[in-house]
Amino acid sequence: MPDHPASREPVLLTITEAAELLRAPVATLRYWRHLGTGPRSFRLGRRVLYRHDDLRSWIDAQHGQVAPGPRSRQ
């Protein structure tokens, strides 16, 4: 089966689609973007876009930064 060049292109998501993936309000993504703490994004014309791979990487990085909660005693 031939390798399609389009299959190697990163999937681009709008801010609304990224918010759905992260299960966060669009306003939160806008705030994170303002602070520079959220997932990597970029402008293409007037649109703010997110690469799917960047969102996954950011999620993985956040998972690694989770502070340990209180442990239950057994």
C-alpha atoms as a PDB file:
ATOM      1  CA  MET A   1       0.000   0.000   0.000  1.00  0.00           C
ATOM      2  CA  PRO A   2       1.532   3.367  -0.967  1.00  0.00           C
ATOM      3  CA  ASP A   3       2.381   5.868   1.718  1.00  0.00           C
ATOM      4  CA  HIS A   4       0.154   8.922   1.330  1.00  0.00           C
ATOM      5  CA  PRO A   5       1.849  12.275   2.012  1.00  0.00           C
ATOM      6  CA  ALA A   6      -1.358  13.594   3.601  1.00  0.00           C
ATOM      7  CA  SER A   7      -1.173  10.871   6.257  1.00  0.00           C
ATOM      8  CA  ARG A   8       2.104  12.389   7.510  1.00  0.00           C
ATOM      9  CA  GLU A   9       0.653  15.888   7.852  1.00  0.00           C
ATOM     10  CA  PRO A  10      -0.108  16.914  11.432  1.00  0.00           C
ATOM     11  CA  VAL A  11      -3.776  17.228  12.275  1.00  0.00           C
ATOM     12  CA  LEU A  12      -4.657  20.867  12.948  1.00  0.00           C
ATOM     13  CA  LEU A  13      -7.393  21.686  15.440  1.00  0.00           C
ATOM     14  CA  THR A  14      -9.241  24.932  16.037  1.00  0.00           C
ATOM     15  CA  ILE A  15      -9.372  26.336  19.557  1.00  0.00           C
ATOM     16  CA  THR A  16     -12.898  24.911  19.931  1.00  0.00           C
ATOM     17  CA  GLU A  17     -11.762  21.444  18.862  1.00  0.00           C
ATOM     18  CA  ALA A  18      -8.729  21.639  21.151  1.00  0.00           C
ATOM     19  CA  ALA A  19     -10.974  22.655  24.048  1.00  0.00           C
ATOM     20  CA  GLU A  20     -13.202  19.649  23.379  1.00  0.00           C
ATOM     21  CA  LEU A  21     -10.191  17.333  23.340  1.00  0.00           C
ATOM     22  CA  LEU A  22      -8.915  18.790  26.623  1.00  0.00           C
ATOM     23  CA  ARG A  23     -12.432  18.981  28.085  1.00  0.00           C
ATOM     24  CA  ALA A  24     -11.805  22.589  29.045  1.00  0.00           C
ATOM     25  CA  PRO A  25     -13.665  25.788  28.196  1.00  0.00           C
ATOM     26  CA  VAL A  26     -12.427  27.778  25.200  1.00  0.00           C
ATOM     27  CA  ALA A  27     -11.910  30.724  27.559  1.00  0.00           C
ATOM     28  CA  THR A  28      -9.441  28.624  29.568  1.00  0.00           C
ATOM     29  CA  LEU A  29      -7.385  27.873  26.461  1.00  0.00           C
ATOM     30  CA  ARG A  30      -7.403  31.571  25.598  1.00  0.00           C
ATOM     31  CA  TYR A  31      -6.216  32.401  29.130  1.00  0.00           C
ATOM     32  CA  TRP A  32      -3.485  29.749  29.028  1.00  0.00           C
ATOM     33  CA  ARG A  33      -2.399  31.130  25.653  1.00  0.00           C
ATOM     34  CA  HIS A  34      -2.246  34.634  27.157  1.00  0.00           C
ATOM     35  CA  LEU A  35      -0.142  33.347  30.072  1.00  0.00           C
ATOM     36  CA  GLY A  36       2.013  31.173  27.816  1.00  0.00           C
ATOM     37  CA  THR A  37       1.347  28.093  29.962  1.00  0.00           C
ATOM     38  CA  GLY A  38      -1.019  26.117  27.770  1.00  0.00           C
ATOM     39  CA  PRO A  39      -0.384  23.795  24.867  1.00  0.00           C
ATOM     40  CA  ARG A  40       1.645  25.122  21.947  1.00  0.00           C
ATOM     41  CA  SER A  41      -0.475  27.002  19.432  1.00  0.00           C
ATOM     42  CA  PHE A  42       0.043  29.278  16.461  1.00  0.00           C
ATOM     43  CA  ARG A  43      -1.828  31.718  14.293  1.00  0.00           C
ATOM     44  CA  LEU A  44      -2.633  31.036  10.680  1.00  0.00           C
ATOM     45  CA  GLY A  45      -4.186  34.221   9.412  1.00  0.00           C
ATOM     46  CA  ARG A  46      -6.752  35.130  12.042  1.00  0.00           C
ATOM     47  CA  ARG A  47      -7.207  31.607  13.346  1.00  0.00           C
ATOM     48  CA  VAL A  48      -5.489  30.097  16.352  1.00  0.00           C
ATOM     49  CA  LEU A  49      -4.630  26.482  15.620  1.00  0.00           C
ATOM     50  CA  TYR A  50      -3.224  23.584  17.598  1.00  0.00           C
ATOM     51  CA  ARG A  51      -1.364  20.572  16.263  1.00  0.00           C
ATOM     52  CA  HIS A  52      -2.836  17.348  17.586  1.00  0.00           C
ATOM     53  CA  ASP A  53       0.657  16.055  18.394  1.00  0.00           C
ATOM     54  CA  ASP A  54       1.418  19.203  20.432  1.00  0.00           C
ATOM     55  CA  LEU A  55      -1.774  18.734  22.439  1.00  0.00           C
ATOM     56  CA  ARG A  56      -0.879  15.103  23.175  1.00  0.00           C
ATOM     57  CA  SER A  57       2.650  16.098  24.205  1.00  0.00           C
ATOM     58  CA  TRP A  58       1.295  18.814  26.486  1.00  0.00           C
ATOM     59  CA  ILE A  59      -1.168  16.384  28.065  1.00  0.00           C
ATOM     60  CA  ASP A  60       1.650  13.897  28.680  1.00  0.00           C
ATOM     61  CA  ALA A  61       3.806  16.634  30.228  1.00  0.00           C
ATOM     62  CA  GLN A  62       0.952  17.690  32.528  1.00  0.00           C
ATOM     63  CA  HIS A  63       0.431  14.092  33.592  1.00  0.00           C
ATOM     64  CA  GLY A  64       4.070  13.942  34.660  1.00  0.00           C
ATOM     65  CA  GLN A  65       3.684  17.124  36.742  1.00  0.00           C
ATOM     66  CA  VAL A  66       0.703  15.975  38.793  1.00  0.00           C
ATOM     67  CA  ALA A  67       1.442  16.475  42.460  1.00  0.00           C
ATOM     68  CA  PRO A  68       0.967  13.334  44.513  1.00  0.00           C
ATOM     69  CA  GLY A  69      -2.158  13.455  46.602  1.00  0.00           C
ATOM     70  CA  PRO A  70      -2.565  12.165  50.124  1.00  0.00           C
ATOM     71  CA  ARG A  71      -2.138   8.424  50.233  1.00  0.00           C
ATOM     72  CA  SER A  72      -4.645   6.297  52.008  1.00  0.00           C
ATOM     73  CA  ARG A  73      -3.250   4.153  54.815  1.00  0.00           C
ATOM     74  CA  GLN A  74      -3.835   0.462  54.574  1.00  0.00           C
END
